[in-house]
């Protein structure tokens, strides 16, 4: 399972999303942070969007869920994803 968080790394909101991704009770995941200021090419290539607020994308293989914008919801979504 891969979690890609898009947002400025210096932003408190982005750091909250990163913390939320690490709090989930799942054994295997990778967490990647793409700062739109420094990873514009990576964002364009991935197809992930950024509308000014941090957003998390949960992907298993090539299948990704709907984006998550609330750090409170992110651990729940991650934990629910492992059962699919």
Protein backbone atom coordinates (compact mmCIF):
# COMPACT_ATOMS: atom_id res chain seq x y z
CA UNK A 1 0.00 0.00 0.00
CA UNK A 2 1.30 3.42 -0.94
CA UNK A 3 0.17 6.74 0.51
CA UNK A 4 1.11 9.83 -1.45
CA UNK A 5 0.58 13.10 0.36
CA UNK A 6 0.57 16.22 -1.77
CA UNK A 7 1.24 19.51 0.00
CA UNK A 8 4.00 21.89 1.07
CA UNK A 9 6.31 20.00 3.42
CA UNK A 10 6.66 23.08 5.63
CA UNK A 11 2.89 23.36 6.13
CA UNK A 12 1.39 22.37 9.48
CA UNK A 13 -1.58 20.83 7.64
CA UNK A 14 0.73 18.65 5.54
CA UNK A 15 2.65 17.53 8.62
CA UNK A 16 -0.66 16.59 10.26
CA UNK A 17 -1.55 14.47 7.22
CA UNK A 18 1.88 12.77 7.34
CA UNK A 19 1.42 12.01 11.05
CA UNK A 20 -2.04 10.60 10.36
CA UNK A 21 -0.66 8.27 7.68
CA UNK A 22 1.90 6.92 10.15
CA UNK A 23 -0.69 6.47 12.94
CA UNK A 24 -2.76 3.95 11.01
CA UNK A 25 -2.54 0.43 12.40
CA UNK A 26 -1.39 -1.35 9.29
CA UNK A 27 1.82 -3.35 8.97
CA UNK A 28 2.99 -2.39 5.48
CA UNK A 29 2.77 0.97 3.77
CA UNK A 30 5.00 3.52 2.18
CA UNK A 31 4.40 7.22 2.68
CA UNK A 32 5.61 9.63 0.03
CA UNK A 33 5.33 13.41 0.23
CA UNK A 34 5.20 15.47 -2.94
CA UNK A 35 5.65 19.19 -2.37
CA UNK A 36 3.97 20.96 -5.30
CA UNK A 37 6.68 23.62 -5.25
CA UNK A 38 9.49 21.14 -5.84
CA UNK A 39 7.77 18.09 -7.36
CA UNK A 40 5.62 19.66 -10.09
CA UNK A 41 6.85 17.20 -12.74
CA UNK A 42 6.19 14.20 -10.48
CA UNK A 43 2.68 15.48 -9.75
CA UNK A 44 1.94 15.94 -13.42
CA UNK A 45 3.25 12.47 -14.25
CA UNK A 46 1.26 10.84 -11.44
CA UNK A 47 -2.00 12.58 -12.24
CA UNK A 48 -2.48 13.56 -8.59
CA UNK A 49 -4.04 16.95 -8.06
CA UNK A 50 -3.40 19.73 -5.61
CA UNK A 51 -5.89 22.54 -4.99
CA UNK A 52 -4.04 24.45 -2.28
CA UNK A 53 -4.75 22.12 0.66
CA UNK A 54 -2.90 18.89 1.56
CA UNK A 55 -4.42 15.76 0.10
CA UNK A 56 -3.60 12.06 0.52
CA UNK A 57 -3.92 9.40 -2.16
CA UNK A 58 -4.13 5.76 -1.05
CA UNK A 59 -3.04 3.30 -3.73
CA UNK A 60 -2.70 -0.46 -3.86
CA UNK A 61 -0.91 -1.51 -7.00
CA UNK A 62 -2.28 0.66 -9.78
CA UNK A 63 -5.67 1.21 -8.12
CA UNK A 64 -6.16 4.40 -6.10
CA UNK A 65 -9.04 5.43 -3.85
CA UNK A 66 -10.71 8.82 -3.82
CA UNK A 67 -8.45 11.49 -2.30
CA UNK A 68 -8.53 12.13 1.45
CA UNK A 69 -8.32 15.72 2.71
CA UNK A 70 -9.06 15.18 6.41
CA UNK A 71 -6.21 13.86 8.60
CA UNK A 72 -8.76 12.44 11.06
CA UNK A 73 -10.28 10.26 8.32
CA UNK A 74 -6.97 9.11 6.80
CA UNK A 75 -6.04 6.40 9.38
CA UNK A 76 -9.57 4.97 9.18
CA UNK A 77 -9.41 4.80 5.39
CA UNK A 78 -5.97 3.19 5.50
CA UNK A 79 -7.06 0.59 8.02
CA UNK A 80 -10.19 -0.15 5.99
CA UNK A 81 -8.13 -0.50 2.80
CA UNK A 82 -6.11 -3.43 4.07
CA UNK A 83 -9.25 -5.61 4.07
CA UNK A 84 -9.99 -5.12 0.37
